[in-house]
Structure formats: C-alpha cells, structure tokens
Amino acid sequence: MQKSFFSGRFIKFSVLALTLGFAVFPFHGKVFAASGDSETVHVVTKGETLYSISRSYGVTVDQLRSANGLSSSSVIKVGQKLSIPSASMSSGSSSSKKYELYTVKKGDTLYRIAVNNSISVNQLKNYNHLDSSPLKVGQELRIPLSAEEIELASLPDLTANDPRTYSGRKGDPDLQWPVIKPDVTYLSGKVGGVHLSAQKNEPVTAIREGTVMFTGEYRGYGQVVLVVAKSGHMYVYAGLGSIRVSKGDTVKFGTQIGNAGTDTIKGTSQITLMVYKKTTPIDPASAPRG
C-alpha cells in the first residue's frame, strides 16, 4: 500500500496566526479559527454528515454532538458552524489509525489508486465522498487501512436530505427477515436494499451467521450493525434503536443483534437491510440465509 503523510503546513500556519492574534479563514470554505481562540470551527458543506466530519478530525460522532449541543435526531445544514473538540478527547485516536492520506499525482486515476491500495473504485469514491468530477493534481484522498474501514467504504453516504428512493416494489414478507413479517419495500437509486416495517422496539435478528465488523452510528444511517459472513457477503442492519452485539462477536442465525428504531424522517418504526457481495449490492431477498 502506498504511503503518504499529512504535511501539517496548515496546522503550523494556524498556530502562528493564532499566536499573532488574527483569524485563519477557511480553505475551500470549511475550516477557520476565531481570533484569539484556539477553537477549531468547521463550516458544513453540501453532502457532509456528522460521521464524515468526525472522521476528518479524528473524533467521534458523540463527541461532535456533545460539543455542539446536538441530539441524535438533529439535522445539520449547509453553512452551519460546528465546534470541533480536541482530537485528544477521542480514546485511542493516536494509536488506531483508520486511514492514510494520498496526494494525487499527474496521471493518476481512481482505478489506478484503488488497485494500488487493494480496494475497489466504488469504495474509494464512497470513502472520499467523490462524484464524477475528475481528480486534480494535489488533491488529497483518504485510503482506508483496516478491514473494518474497507468494508464500511462499500456503503454510500446517507445525508440529512435522505436520498432514499422508494421504488414501490414490494417484497415477500414470508421470507426470513430480521423482523417478523414486515412490510418489505425496495429502495432504489444511490442507496439500495429494503425498508422493513417493524413493531416499536421489536427484536432484530441476524439472518446469516457471521462476524460483527462494526457497530455504532454510521454516515446518516443511524445505529448500524455490519456482519460479514464466511461466504463474503456483508449484511448491513441499519436504523436500529439499540444494539446488543459488539465488534468481533460471532453471531448465529437468529441471534438478536438489536432492536428496531424509529425513522427520524418518516416517524415510523422500521429498519433498513442492505446486502453486499464484495462491493456489489445484491437483492436482500436472494441473499444467503442461515
């Protein structure tokens, strides 16, 4: 894997500027520090989520919320200013590096960078919130390092604007789903998978044996449990109200992994199920079970 390091020039300039008592204004309209104050402030731009912002600064979503008086249902808006807590508040932030920075060079393509770092183009694009715009020389890209980060990079962002499109296509409620006999509605567009209706706080169970790779809030999906089966399939249980498993746990078919949550936009009890084979989304109805 290619190695690259953050230059730190902006940090050094910021410290010098603050020492001299004048403001450091945003690079690309994102970050500034107020005059005479060491606080870092981030200005929200289009497509950003609390998760993506927290990862950029090496803090947790909970720390970011706490620093800004936000609740779990708070929606951030473009132009909103967020106070960034010190990265030292994040336990293990210095010892558990999740990604490295790569600086785009002349002749680089997304495909070449992805292949050189053993990830897919989609993972690279999702992890860096990229659209179809061409790369620019000097642009910095985050390269996920851990297996957990690589798996998570398969998921597209779900921002506060809720890009989910409900196709109107219905699924068979009698299949083995994480909740009992749900109303199954397929999602289309950028975010695939199925929307499953549920009873309030209904137990959510694993439909496939595997290893828990991630638990917690993720990219606007709310509480998430990500399970990877031996077959390589990745099962994403999103929108949970609570979680009952931990990263590294082995779950069996039928193991309760959490409870159904409430959709903050629609106000209904539900979960979302997405299934991937490697980095390709597949129909959850045809995904292996058991």
C-alpha atoms as a PDB file:
ATOM      1  CA  MET A   1       0.000   0.000   0.000  1.00  0.00           C
ATOM      2  CA  GLN A   2       1.377   3.402  -0.907  1.00  0.00           C
ATOM      3  CA  LYS A   3       2.284   5.657   1.987  1.00  0.00           C
ATOM      4  CA  SER A   4       1.649   9.367   2.276  1.00  0.00           C
ATOM      5  CA  PHE A   5       1.625  11.791   5.158  1.00  0.00           C
ATOM      6  CA  PHE A   6      -0.285  14.955   6.050  1.00  0.00           C
ATOM      7  CA  SER A   7       2.092  17.878   5.654  1.00  0.00           C
ATOM      8  CA  GLY A   8       0.885  19.829   8.678  1.00  0.00           C
ATOM      9  CA  ARG A   9       1.571  23.152   6.977  1.00  0.00           C
ATOM     10  CA  PHE A  10      -1.942  24.433   7.580  1.00  0.00           C
ATOM     11  CA  ILE A  11      -1.746  23.481  11.262  1.00  0.00           C
ATOM     12  CA  LYS A  12       1.580  25.278  11.665  1.00  0.00           C
ATOM     13  CA  PHE A  13       0.196  28.353   9.908  1.00  0.00           C
ATOM     14  CA  SER A  14      -2.910  28.257  12.103  1.00  0.00           C
ATOM     15  CA  VAL A  15      -0.846  28.141  15.294  1.00  0.00           C
ATOM     16  CA  LEU A  16       1.330  31.028  14.103  1.00  0.00           C
ATOM     17  CA  ALA A  17      -1.701  33.062  13.087  1.00  0.00           C
ATOM     18  CA  LEU A  18      -3.404  32.497  16.404  1.00  0.00           C
ATOM     19  CA  THR A  19      -0.239  33.444  18.261  1.00  0.00           C
ATOM     20  CA  LEU A  20      -0.178  36.734  16.363  1.00  0.00           C
ATOM     21  CA  GLY A  21      -3.866  37.251  17.119  1.00  0.00           C
ATOM     22  CA  PHE A  22      -5.531  37.173  13.706  1.00  0.00           C
ATOM     23  CA  ALA A  23      -8.057  34.853  12.166  1.00  0.00           C
ATOM     24  CA  VAL A  24      -7.413  31.834   9.998  1.00  0.00           C
ATOM     25  CA  PHE A  25     -10.169  31.640   7.399  1.00  0.00           C
ATOM     26  CA  PRO A  26     -11.450  28.620   5.549  1.00  0.00           C
ATOM     27  CA  PHE A  27      -9.571  26.628   2.982  1.00  0.00           C
ATOM     28  CA  HIS A  28     -12.340  25.742   0.478  1.00  0.00           C
ATOM     29  CA  GLY A  29     -14.834  27.333   2.898  1.00  0.00           C
ATOM     30  CA  LYS A  30     -14.553  24.621   5.523  1.00  0.00           C
ATOM     31  CA  VAL A  31     -12.338  25.469   8.497  1.00  0.00           C
ATOM     32  CA  PHE A  32     -11.452  28.595  10.402  1.00  0.00           C
ATOM     33  CA  ALA A  33     -10.323  29.593  13.874  1.00  0.00           C
ATOM     34  CA  ALA A  34     -11.645  32.702  15.575  1.00  0.00           C
ATOM     35  CA  SER A  35      -9.213  35.472  16.502  1.00  0.00           C
ATOM     36  CA  GLY A  36      -7.556  34.894  19.846  1.00  0.00           C
ATOM     37  CA  ASP A  37      -9.225  31.492  20.237  1.00  0.00           C
ATOM     38  CA  SER A  38      -7.735  28.029  19.704  1.00  0.00           C
ATOM     39  CA  GLU A  39     -11.122  26.501  18.916  1.00  0.00           C
ATOM     40  CA  THR A  40     -11.465  24.830  15.523  1.00  0.00           C
ATOM     41  CA  VAL A  41     -14.727  25.506  13.702  1.00  0.00           C
ATOM     42  CA  HIS A  42     -15.993  23.560  10.682  1.00  0.00           C
ATOM     43  CA  VAL A  43     -18.499  25.035   8.231  1.00  0.00           C
ATOM     44  CA  VAL A  44     -20.806  22.325   6.879  1.00  0.00           C
ATOM     45  CA  THR A  45     -20.755  21.897   3.097  1.00  0.00           C
ATOM     46  CA  LYS A  46     -23.147  20.047   0.787  1.00  0.00           C
ATOM     47  CA  GLY A  47     -23.218  16.265   1.228  1.00  0.00           C
ATOM     48  CA  GLU A  48     -21.410  16.194   4.585  1.00  0.00           C
ATOM     49  CA  THR A  49     -22.640  14.205   7.571  1.00  0.00           C
ATOM     50  CA  LEU A  50     -21.674  14.235  11.234  1.00  0.00           C
ATOM     51  CA  TYR A  51     -19.918  10.944  10.567  1.00  0.00           C
ATOM     52  CA  SER A  52     -17.806  12.236   7.676  1.00  0.00           C
ATOM     53  CA  ILE A  53     -16.908  15.397   9.608  1.00  0.00           C
ATOM     54  CA  SER A  54     -15.975  13.431  12.738  1.00  0.00           C
ATOM     55  CA  ARG A  55     -13.683  11.152  10.726  1.00  0.00           C
ATOM     56  CA  SER A  56     -11.964  14.145   9.134  1.00  0.00           C
ATOM     57  CA  TYR A  57     -10.947  15.433  12.567  1.00  0.00           C
ATOM     58  CA  GLY A  58     -10.309  12.132  14.361  1.00  0.00           C
ATOM     59  CA  VAL A  59     -13.144  12.492  16.872  1.00  0.00           C
ATOM     60  CA  THR A  60     -16.326  10.505  17.444  1.00  0.00           C
ATOM     61  CA  VAL A  61     -19.850  11.467  16.410  1.00  0.00           C
ATOM     62  CA  ASP A  62     -20.883  11.559  20.073  1.00  0.00           C
ATOM     63  CA  GLN A  63     -18.054  13.995  20.888  1.00  0.00           C
ATOM     64  CA  LEU A  64     -19.047  16.191  17.961  1.00  0.00           C
ATOM     65  CA  ARG A  65     -22.678  16.201  19.082  1.00  0.00           C
ATOM     66  CA  SER A  66     -21.738  16.947  22.686  1.00  0.00           C
ATOM     67  CA  ALA A  67     -19.526  19.874  21.671  1.00  0.00           C
ATOM     68  CA  ASN A  68     -22.379  21.403  19.689  1.00  0.00           C
ATOM     69  CA  GLY A  69     -25.415  20.545  21.813  1.00  0.00           C
ATOM     70  CA  LEU A  70     -26.869  18.238  19.159  1.00  0.00           C
ATOM     71  CA  SER A  71     -29.210  15.324  19.783  1.00  0.00           C
ATOM     72  CA  SER A  72     -29.337  12.034  17.876  1.00  0.00           C
ATOM     73  CA  SER A  73     -32.186  13.438  15.762  1.00  0.00           C
ATOM     74  CA  SER A  74     -30.541  16.789  14.983  1.00  0.00           C
ATOM     75  CA  VAL A  75     -30.087  17.591  11.292  1.00  0.00           C
ATOM     76  CA  ILE A  76     -27.070  19.623  10.193  1.00  0.00           C
ATOM     77  CA  LYS A  77     -27.424  22.196   7.418  1.00  0.00           C
ATOM     78  CA  VAL A  78     -25.130  23.637   4.777  1.00  0.00           C
ATOM     79  CA  GLY A  79     -23.373  26.691   6.212  1.00  0.00           C
ATOM     80  CA  GLN A  80     -23.834  25.585   9.828  1.00  0.00           C
ATOM     81  CA  LYS A  81     -20.767  26.107  12.028  1.00  0.00           C
ATOM     82  CA  LEU A  82     -19.658  23.202  14.218  1.00  0.00           C
ATOM     83  CA  SER A  83     -17.145  23.391  17.038  1.00  0.00           C
ATOM     84  CA  ILE A  84     -14.574  20.616  16.728  1.00  0.00           C
ATOM     85  CA  PRO A  85     -13.431  19.119  20.048  1.00  0.00           C
ATOM     86  CA  SER A  86      -9.791  18.279  20.575  1.00  0.00           C
ATOM     87  CA  ALA A  87      -8.786  15.004  18.930  1.00  0.00           C
ATOM     88  CA  SER A  88      -7.076  14.057  22.199  1.00  0.00           C
ATOM     89  CA  MET A  89     -10.561  13.540  23.662  1.00  0.00           C
ATOM     90  CA  SER A  90     -11.010  10.570  21.349  1.00  0.00           C
ATOM     91  CA  SER A  91      -9.805   7.440  23.112  1.00  0.00           C
ATOM     92  CA  GLY A  92      -7.243   5.597  21.070  1.00  0.00           C
ATOM     93  CA  SER A  93      -7.228   8.215  18.315  1.00  0.00           C
ATOM     94  CA  SER A  94      -3.454   8.268  18.169  1.00  0.00           C
ATOM     95  CA  SER A  95      -2.997   4.508  18.203  1.00  0.00           C
ATOM     96  CA  SER A  96      -5.766   3.276  15.894  1.00  0.00           C
ATOM     97  CA  LYS A  97      -5.130   4.915  12.545  1.00  0.00           C
ATOM     98  CA  LYS A  98      -8.102   4.245  10.272  1.00  0.00           C
ATOM     99  CA  TYR A  99      -6.803   5.765   7.054  1.00  0.00           C
ATOM    100  CA  GLU A 100      -3.852   7.456   5.430  1.00  0.00           C
ATOM    101  CA  LEU A 101      -3.772  10.383   3.043  1.00  0.00           C
ATOM    102  CA  TYR A 102      -2.669  10.021  -0.556  1.00  0.00           C
ATOM    103  CA  THR A 103      -1.857  13.059  -2.704  1.00  0.00           C
ATOM    104  CA  VAL A 104      -2.989  12.763  -6.318  1.00  0.00           C
ATOM    105  CA  LYS A 105      -0.147  12.928  -8.843  1.00  0.00           C
ATOM    106  CA  LYS A 106      -0.130  13.678 -12.560  1.00  0.00           C
ATOM    107  CA  GLY A 107      -1.531  10.711 -14.495  1.00  0.00           C
ATOM    108  CA  ASP A 108      -3.348   9.195 -11.507  1.00  0.00           C
ATOM    109  CA  THR A 109      -6.821   7.744 -11.971  1.00  0.00           C
ATOM    110  CA  LEU A 110      -9.309   6.424  -9.442  1.00  0.00           C
ATOM    111  CA  TYR A 111      -8.810   2.958 -10.880  1.00  0.00           C
ATOM    112  CA  ARG A 112      -5.027   3.070 -10.543  1.00  0.00           C
ATOM    113  CA  ILE A 113      -5.146   4.413  -6.989  1.00  0.00           C
ATOM    114  CA  ALA A 114      -7.765   1.827  -5.978  1.00  0.00           C
ATOM    115  CA  VAL A 115      -5.827  -1.108  -7.468  1.00  0.00           C
ATOM    116  CA  ASN A 116      -2.568   0.045  -5.878  1.00  0.00           C
ATOM    117  CA  ASN A 117      -4.287   0.070  -2.489  1.00  0.00           C
ATOM    118  CA  SER A 118      -6.280  -3.181  -2.879  1.00  0.00           C
ATOM    119  CA  ILE A 119      -9.709  -1.574  -2.741  1.00  0.00           C
ATOM    120  CA  SER A 120     -12.431  -1.005  -5.337  1.00  0.00           C
ATOM    121  CA  VAL A 121     -13.138   2.226  -7.189  1.00  0.00           C
ATOM    122  CA  ASN A 122     -16.572   2.418  -5.527  1.00  0.00           C
ATOM    123  CA  GLN A 123     -15.021   2.057  -2.082  1.00  0.00           C
ATOM    124  CA  LEU A 124     -12.519   4.798  -2.860  1.00  0.00           C
ATOM    125  CA  LYS A 125     -15.281   7.095  -4.143  1.00  0.00           C
ATOM    126  CA  ASN A 126     -17.626   6.414  -1.217  1.00  0.00           C
ATOM    127  CA  TYR A 127     -14.885   6.815   1.378  1.00  0.00           C
ATOM    128  CA  ASN A 128     -13.955  10.222  -0.041  1.00  0.00           C
ATOM    129  CA  HIS A 129     -17.487  11.414  -0.943  1.00  0.00           C
ATOM    130  CA  LEU A 130     -16.483  11.753  -4.605  1.00  0.00           C
ATOM    131  CA  ASP A 131     -18.816  12.313  -7.536  1.00  0.00           C
ATOM    132  CA  SER A 132     -17.945  12.054 -11.219  1.00  0.00           C
ATOM    133  CA  SER A 133     -15.660  15.102 -11.155  1.00  0.00           C
ATOM    134  CA  PRO A 134     -12.115  14.423 -12.436  1.00  0.00           C
ATOM    135  CA  LEU A 135      -9.251  14.152  -9.971  1.00  0.00           C
ATOM    136  CA  LYS A 136      -6.936  17.133  -9.584  1.00  0.00           C
ATOM    137  CA  VAL A 137      -3.182  17.038  -9.045  1.00  0.00           C
ATOM    138  CA  GLY A 138      -2.523  17.807  -5.378  1.00  0.00           C
ATOM    139  CA  GLN A 139      -5.946  16.603  -4.256  1.00  0.00           C
ATOM    140  CA  GLU A 140      -5.809  14.502  -1.076  1.00  0.00           C
ATOM    141  CA  LEU A 141      -7.676  11.199  -0.840  1.00  0.00           C
ATOM    142  CA  ARG A 142      -8.221   9.064   2.246  1.00  0.00           C
ATOM    143  CA  ILE A 143      -7.160   5.436   1.870  1.00  0.00           C
ATOM    144  CA  PRO A 144      -8.857   3.066   4.372  1.00  0.00           C
ATOM    145  CA  LEU A 145      -6.368   0.911   6.260  1.00  0.00           C
ATOM    146  CA  SER A 146      -8.327  -1.587   8.355  1.00  0.00           C
ATOM    147  CA  ALA A 147     -10.621  -4.370   7.183  1.00  0.00           C
ATOM    148  CA  GLU A 148     -13.446  -2.623   9.055  1.00  0.00           C
ATOM    149  CA  GLU A 149     -12.890   0.653   7.211  1.00  0.00           C
ATOM    150  CA  ILE A 150     -12.686  -1.111   3.851  1.00  0.00           C
ATOM    151  CA  GLU A 151     -15.994  -2.894   4.485  1.00  0.00           C
ATOM    152  CA  LEU A 152     -17.654   0.340   5.596  1.00  0.00           C
ATOM    153  CA  ALA A 153     -16.389   2.130   2.489  1.00  0.00           C
ATOM    154  CA  SER A 154     -18.798  -0.008   0.453  1.00  0.00           C
ATOM    155  CA  LEU A 155     -21.738   1.979   1.847  1.00  0.00           C
ATOM    156  CA  PRO A 156     -22.787   5.218   0.167  1.00  0.00           C
ATOM    157  CA  ASP A 157     -23.433   8.275   2.323  1.00  0.00           C
ATOM    158  CA  LEU A 158     -26.945   8.841   3.612  1.00  0.00           C
ATOM    159  CA  THR A 159     -27.101  12.574   4.292  1.00  0.00           C
ATOM    160  CA  ALA A 160     -29.680  14.547   6.213  1.00  0.00           C
ATOM    161  CA  ASN A 161     -31.534  15.196   2.948  1.00  0.00           C
ATOM    162  CA  ASP A 162     -32.431  11.467   2.796  1.00  0.00           C
ATOM    163  CA  PRO A 163     -31.559  10.389  -0.780  1.00  0.00           C
ATOM    164  CA  ARG A 164     -33.528   7.148  -0.418  1.00  0.00           C
ATOM    165  CA  THR A 165     -35.960   6.499  -3.236  1.00  0.00           C
ATOM    166  CA  TYR A 166     -38.816   4.115  -2.511  1.00  0.00           C
ATOM    167  CA  SER A 167     -39.374   2.194  -5.722  1.00  0.00           C
ATOM    168  CA  GLY A 168     -42.862   0.927  -4.928  1.00  0.00           C
ATOM    169  CA  ARG A 169     -41.640  -2.619  -5.478  1.00  0.00           C
ATOM    170  CA  LYS A 170     -42.748  -4.881  -2.647  1.00  0.00           C
ATOM    171  CA  GLY A 171     -41.025  -7.977  -1.266  1.00  0.00           C
ATOM    172  CA  ASP A 172     -42.279 -11.235   0.215  1.00  0.00           C
ATOM    173  CA  PRO A 173     -42.980 -10.763   3.951  1.00  0.00           C
ATOM    174  CA  ASP A 174     -42.904 -14.543   4.498  1.00  0.00           C
ATOM    175  CA  LEU A 175     -39.171 -14.818   3.806  1.00  0.00           C
ATOM    176  CA  GLN A 176     -36.794 -14.939   6.755  1.00  0.00           C
ATOM    177  CA  TRP A 177     -36.211 -11.274   7.571  1.00  0.00           C
ATOM    178  CA  PRO A 178     -34.547  -9.626  10.595  1.00  0.00           C
ATOM    179  CA  VAL A 179     -38.046  -8.738  11.890  1.00  0.00           C
ATOM    180  CA  ILE A 180     -41.266 -10.789  11.754  1.00  0.00           C
ATOM    181  CA  LYS A 181     -43.491 -10.494   8.657  1.00  0.00           C
ATOM    182  CA  PRO A 182     -42.552  -6.922   7.771  1.00  0.00           C
ATOM    183  CA  ASP A 183     -43.929  -4.763   5.009  1.00  0.00           C
ATOM    184  CA  VAL A 184     -40.996  -5.001   2.559  1.00  0.00           C
ATOM    185  CA  THR A 185     -40.331  -2.002   0.305  1.00  0.00           C
ATOM    186  CA  TYR A 186     -37.356  -1.864  -2.043  1.00  0.00           C
ATOM    187  CA  LEU A 187     -35.096   1.171  -2.146  1.00  0.00           C
ATOM    188  CA  SER A 188     -33.632   2.381  -5.414  1.00  0.00           C
ATOM    189  CA  GLY A 189     -31.065   4.905  -6.544  1.00  0.00           C
ATOM    190  CA  LYS A 190     -27.812   5.521  -4.698  1.00  0.00           C
ATOM    191  CA  VAL A 191     -28.975   3.667  -1.587  1.00  0.00           C
ATOM    192  CA  GLY A 192     -30.133   0.100  -2.293  1.00  0.00           C
ATOM    193  CA  GLY A 193     -31.632  -2.558  -0.053  1.00  0.00           C
ATOM    194  CA  VAL A 194     -35.039  -2.916   1.551  1.00  0.00           C
ATOM    195  CA  HIS A 195     -37.043  -0.941   4.062  1.00  0.00           C
ATOM    196  CA  LEU A 196     -38.654  -3.262   6.643  1.00  0.00           C
ATOM    197  CA  SER A 197     -41.539  -2.104   8.806  1.00  0.00           C
ATOM    198  CA  ALA A 198     -41.374  -3.209  12.438  1.00  0.00           C
ATOM    199  CA  GLN A 199     -43.148  -3.034  15.760  1.00  0.00           C
ATOM    200  CA  LYS A 200     -41.849  -0.498  18.253  1.00  0.00           C
ATOM    201  CA  ASN A 201     -38.595  -1.829  19.791  1.00  0.00           C
ATOM    202  CA  GLU A 202     -39.090  -5.160  18.004  1.00  0.00           C
ATOM    203  CA  PRO A 203     -36.068  -7.523  18.301  1.00  0.00           C
ATOM    204  CA  VAL A 204     -33.865  -7.536  15.197  1.00  0.00           C
ATOM    205  CA  THR A 205     -32.147 -10.860  14.468  1.00  0.00           C
ATOM    206  CA  ALA A 206     -29.305 -11.922  12.182  1.00  0.00           C
ATOM    207  CA  ILE A 207     -30.418 -13.739   9.035  1.00  0.00           C
ATOM    208  CA  ARG A 208     -26.930 -15.112   8.370  1.00  0.00           C
ATOM    209  CA  GLU A 209     -24.131 -16.361  10.605  1.00  0.00           C
ATOM    210  CA  GLY A 210     -21.025 -14.209  10.558  1.00  0.00           C
ATOM    211  CA  THR A 211     -18.645 -11.876  12.362  1.00  0.00           C
ATOM    212  CA  VAL A 212     -19.635  -8.420  13.566  1.00  0.00           C
ATOM    213  CA  MET A 213     -17.280  -5.972  11.855  1.00  0.00           C
ATOM    214  CA  PHE A 214     -18.829  -2.720  13.044  1.00  0.00           C
ATOM    215  CA  THR A 215     -21.408  -1.380  15.480  1.00  0.00           C
ATOM    216  CA  GLY A 216     -22.438   2.220  16.027  1.00  0.00           C
ATOM    217  CA  GLU A 217     -23.643   5.254  14.128  1.00  0.00           C
ATOM    218  CA  TYR A 218     -22.576   5.455  10.520  1.00  0.00           C
ATOM    219  CA  ARG A 219     -22.958   8.050   7.745  1.00  0.00           C
ATOM    220  CA  GLY A 220     -26.511   9.069   8.456  1.00  0.00           C
ATOM    221  CA  TYR A 221     -27.839   5.507   8.726  1.00  0.00           C
ATOM    222  CA  GLY A 222     -28.343   5.793  12.482  1.00  0.00           C
ATOM    223  CA  GLN A 223     -27.331   2.815  14.623  1.00  0.00           C
ATOM    224  CA  VAL A 224     -25.770   0.140  12.408  1.00  0.00           C
ATOM    225  CA  VAL A 225     -24.594  -3.448  12.811  1.00  0.00           C
ATOM    226  CA  LEU A 226     -22.426  -4.789   9.996  1.00  0.00           C
ATOM    227  CA  VAL A 227     -21.967  -8.568   9.799  1.00  0.00           C
ATOM    228  CA  VAL A 228     -19.651 -10.323   7.324  1.00  0.00           C
ATOM    229  CA  ALA A 229     -20.364 -13.993   6.557  1.00  0.00           C
ATOM    230  CA  LYS A 230     -17.755 -16.604   5.608  1.00  0.00           C
ATOM    231  CA  SER A 231     -19.189 -16.504   2.088  1.00  0.00           C
ATOM    232  CA  GLY A 232     -18.007 -12.902   1.821  1.00  0.00           C
ATOM    233  CA  HIS A 233     -21.495 -11.421   1.938  1.00  0.00           C
ATOM    234  CA  MET A 234     -21.837  -8.270   4.029  1.00  0.00           C
ATOM    235  CA  TYR A 235     -25.150  -7.746   5.857  1.00  0.00           C
ATOM    236  CA  VAL A 236     -25.914  -4.193   6.951  1.00  0.00           C
ATOM    237  CA  TYR A 237     -28.673  -3.786   9.546  1.00  0.00           C
ATOM    238  CA  ALA A 238     -29.327  -0.042   9.724  1.00  0.00           C
ATOM    239  CA  GLY A 239     -31.690   2.272  11.561  1.00  0.00           C
ATOM    240  CA  LEU A 240     -31.585   0.304  14.802  1.00  0.00           C
ATOM    241  CA  GLY A 241     -32.883   1.817  18.017  1.00  0.00           C
ATOM    242  CA  SER A 242     -30.388  -0.117  20.136  1.00  0.00           C
ATOM    243  CA  ILE A 243     -27.544  -2.584  19.607  1.00  0.00           C
ATOM    244  CA  ARG A 244     -26.936  -5.797  21.560  1.00  0.00           C
ATOM    245  CA  VAL A 245     -23.703  -7.068  19.998  1.00  0.00           C
ATOM    246  CA  SER A 246     -20.129  -5.820  19.836  1.00  0.00           C
ATOM    247  CA  LYS A 247     -17.445  -5.663  17.189  1.00  0.00           C
ATOM    248  CA  GLY A 248     -15.704  -9.044  16.909  1.00  0.00           C
ATOM    249  CA  ASP A 249     -18.696 -11.080  18.104  1.00  0.00           C
ATOM    250  CA  THR A 250     -19.714 -14.171  16.141  1.00  0.00           C
ATOM    251  CA  VAL A 251     -23.461 -14.177  15.594  1.00  0.00           C
ATOM    252  CA  LYS A 252     -25.526 -17.214  14.648  1.00  0.00           C
ATOM    253  CA  PHE A 253     -28.637 -17.306  12.510  1.00  0.00           C
ATOM    254  CA  GLY A 254     -31.444 -15.898  14.666  1.00  0.00           C
ATOM    255  CA  THR A 255     -29.165 -14.125  17.169  1.00  0.00           C
ATOM    256  CA  GLN A 256     -30.688 -10.857  18.368  1.00  0.00           C
ATOM    257  CA  ILE A 257     -28.380  -8.044  17.306  1.00  0.00           C
ATOM    258  CA  GLY A 258     -30.542  -5.129  18.438  1.00  0.00           C
ATOM    259  CA  ASN A 259     -33.988  -3.557  18.412  1.00  0.00           C
ATOM    260  CA  ALA A 260     -35.873  -1.706  15.700  1.00  0.00           C
ATOM    261  CA  GLY A 261     -35.528   2.053  15.658  1.00  0.00           C
ATOM    262  CA  THR A 262     -37.646   4.972  14.510  1.00  0.00           C
ATOM    263  CA  ASP A 263     -37.070   6.653  11.162  1.00  0.00           C
ATOM    264  CA  THR A 264     -36.338  10.287  12.096  1.00  0.00           C
ATOM    265  CA  ILE A 265     -37.711  11.492   8.758  1.00  0.00           C
ATOM    266  CA  LYS A 266     -40.841   9.317   8.418  1.00  0.00           C
ATOM    267  CA  GLY A 267     -41.506   8.807  12.148  1.00  0.00           C
ATOM    268  CA  THR A 268     -42.247   5.082  11.759  1.00  0.00           C
ATOM    269  CA  SER A 269     -40.709   2.013  13.418  1.00  0.00           C
ATOM    270  CA  GLN A 270     -38.504   0.286  10.874  1.00  0.00           C
ATOM    271  CA  ILE A 271     -35.058  -0.901   9.874  1.00  0.00           C
ATOM    272  CA  THR A 272     -33.151  -0.958   6.606  1.00  0.00           C
ATOM    273  CA  LEU A 273     -31.368  -4.083   5.368  1.00  0.00           C
ATOM    274  CA  MET A 274     -28.643  -3.944   2.729  1.00  0.00           C
ATOM    275  CA  VAL A 275     -26.570  -6.871   1.490  1.00  0.00           C
ATOM    276  CA  TYR A 276     -23.336  -6.709  -0.497  1.00  0.00           C
ATOM    277  CA  LYS A 277     -21.262  -9.365  -2.237  1.00  0.00           C
ATOM    278  CA  LYS A 278     -17.782  -7.886  -2.088  1.00  0.00           C
ATOM    279  CA  THR A 279     -18.614  -4.294  -3.086  1.00  0.00           C
ATOM    280  CA  THR A 280     -21.700  -5.022  -5.189  1.00  0.00           C
ATOM    281  CA  PRO A 281     -25.179  -4.566  -3.671  1.00  0.00           C
ATOM    282  CA  ILE A 282     -27.473  -7.568  -4.157  1.00  0.00           C
ATOM    283  CA  ASP A 283     -31.175  -8.196  -3.635  1.00  0.00           C
ATOM    284  CA  PRO A 284     -31.619  -8.951   0.095  1.00  0.00           C
ATOM    285  CA  ALA A 285     -34.398 -11.419  -0.785  1.00  0.00           C
ATOM    286  CA  SER A 286     -31.907 -13.624  -2.654  1.00  0.00           C
ATOM    287  CA  ALA A 287     -29.068 -13.254  -0.137  1.00  0.00           C
ATOM    288  CA  PRO A 288     -27.969 -16.456   1.643  1.00  0.00           C
ATOM    289  CA  ARG A 289     -29.640 -17.152   4.979  1.00  0.00           C
ATOM    290  CA  GLY A 290     -28.901 -19.476   7.838  1.00  0.00           C
END
